[in-house]
Each structure stands twice: as structure tokens, then as C-alpha cells.
Protein backbone atom coordinates (compact mmCIF):
# COMPACT_ATOMS: atom_id res chain seq x y z
CA MET A 1 125.48 114.66 92.78
CA SER A 2 121.84 114.84 93.15
CA VAL A 3 119.44 111.88 93.96
CA ARG A 4 115.71 112.13 94.12
CA ILE A 5 114.09 109.24 96.08
CA ARG A 6 110.43 109.08 96.10
CA TYR A 7 109.46 105.94 97.82
CA PHE A 8 107.21 105.57 100.92
CA LEU A 9 108.72 102.99 103.18
CA SER A 10 108.79 102.28 106.86
CA LYS A 11 110.92 104.48 109.11
CA ARG A 12 113.12 101.41 110.06
CA PHE A 13 113.94 101.03 106.34
CA TRP A 14 114.97 104.80 106.00
CA SER A 15 116.97 104.66 109.15
CA THR A 16 118.96 101.63 107.94
CA LEU A 17 119.40 103.25 104.46
CA TYR A 18 120.65 106.45 105.89
CA SER A 19 123.05 104.76 108.29
CA SER A 20 124.50 102.74 105.36
CA LEU A 21 124.75 105.84 103.09
CA PHE A 22 126.58 107.85 105.89
CA GLN A 23 129.13 105.13 106.29
CA GLN A 24 129.72 104.85 102.56
CA LEU A 25 130.23 108.59 102.26
CA GLU A 26 132.86 108.88 105.27
CA GLY A 27 136.11 109.92 103.72
CA THR A 28 134.75 110.73 100.26
CA GLY A 29 134.87 114.56 100.64
CA VAL A 30 131.15 114.99 100.77
CA HIS A 31 130.54 118.20 102.61
CA ARG A 32 126.71 118.27 102.97
CA ILE A 33 123.55 116.21 102.26
CA VAL A 34 120.66 118.27 101.55
CA VAL A 35 116.95 117.03 101.49
CA GLY A 36 113.73 118.75 100.48
CA ILE A 37 110.54 117.54 102.16
CA ALA A 38 107.02 118.48 100.89
CA LEU A 39 104.96 119.84 103.76
CA PRO A 40 103.03 118.79 105.83
CA ASN A 41 105.00 115.65 106.59
CA ASP A 42 105.67 115.42 110.24
CA PRO A 43 106.78 111.78 110.14
CA SER A 44 109.49 112.60 107.55
CA VAL A 45 110.67 115.56 109.31
CA ALA A 46 111.04 113.59 112.61
CA LEU A 47 112.89 110.94 110.78
CA HIS A 48 115.44 113.28 109.31
CA LYS A 49 115.87 115.07 112.69
CA LYS A 50 116.59 111.55 114.13
CA CYS A 51 119.25 110.88 111.38
CA GLY A 52 121.09 114.15 112.19
CA PHE A 53 119.64 116.52 109.74
CA GLU A 54 118.88 120.15 110.74
CA GLU A 55 116.31 122.59 109.35
CA ILE A 56 117.90 125.28 107.01
CA GLY A 57 114.69 126.99 105.55
CA VAL A 58 111.28 126.71 103.90
CA PHE A 59 110.26 127.42 100.36
CA ASP A 60 106.87 128.70 101.28
CA GLU A 61 104.01 127.99 98.79
CA TYR A 62 106.31 127.78 95.85
CA ALA A 63 104.62 125.18 93.89
CA PHE A 64 100.96 124.59 93.00
CA TYR A 65 99.78 120.94 93.18
CA LYS A 66 96.39 119.40 93.19
CA GLY A 67 94.51 122.74 93.76
CA ALA A 68 96.74 124.16 96.51
CA TYR A 69 100.01 126.01 97.03
CA ARG A 70 102.56 123.70 98.52
CA SER A 71 105.74 124.45 100.67
CA SER A 72 108.85 122.35 101.30
CA LEU A 73 111.21 122.19 104.34
CA TRP A 74 114.95 121.98 103.45
CA MET A 75 117.21 120.22 105.88
CA GLN A 76 120.87 119.41 105.89
CA LYS A 77 123.37 117.02 107.44
CA LYS A 78 127.08 118.19 107.85
CA MET A 79 129.30 115.35 106.82
CA ASP A 80 132.73 116.87 107.19
CA GLN A 81 132.78 117.39 110.99
């Protein structure tokens, strides 16, 4: 399953949403949650680290948007520990 969420809301909202999501996914067999974050976006990276995500790699300058090449950081959260 893949879900793309592109809303810019408060950190508190996202922390609450992720906590609820993690609880709902317990026992469902979901192995990993993976997120891609367009860079630079330090607040989003910090939020995801706070929620238990770890960095797994960067797609370096893979997209051209608004006159510049863009990179994205990929992070994962292990769910079956």
C-alpha cells in the first residue's frame, strides 16, 4: 500500500497522526513504513526522526522543479520489531 500525503500542518498534528497510525498498524503484518522528504526540509526530517524513522538514503538531484534540481531523503520505520 502506498499513500501520498501532501499537507503542511503542525508538528503536533503529525505526531498525533503518526502515533495513531502506528497503533492501528500493530499486528497487521506491515513490515516497514517508508517516507520520502523533498530536501531541504529540516523540520520534516526532525519530526520523522522523533517518530522513530531512520535515514536510509538520498535520491540526489533526481528531479527538476522550478528551475533547480531537487533531492529527496528516504527514511523508514521498522514495524515488526
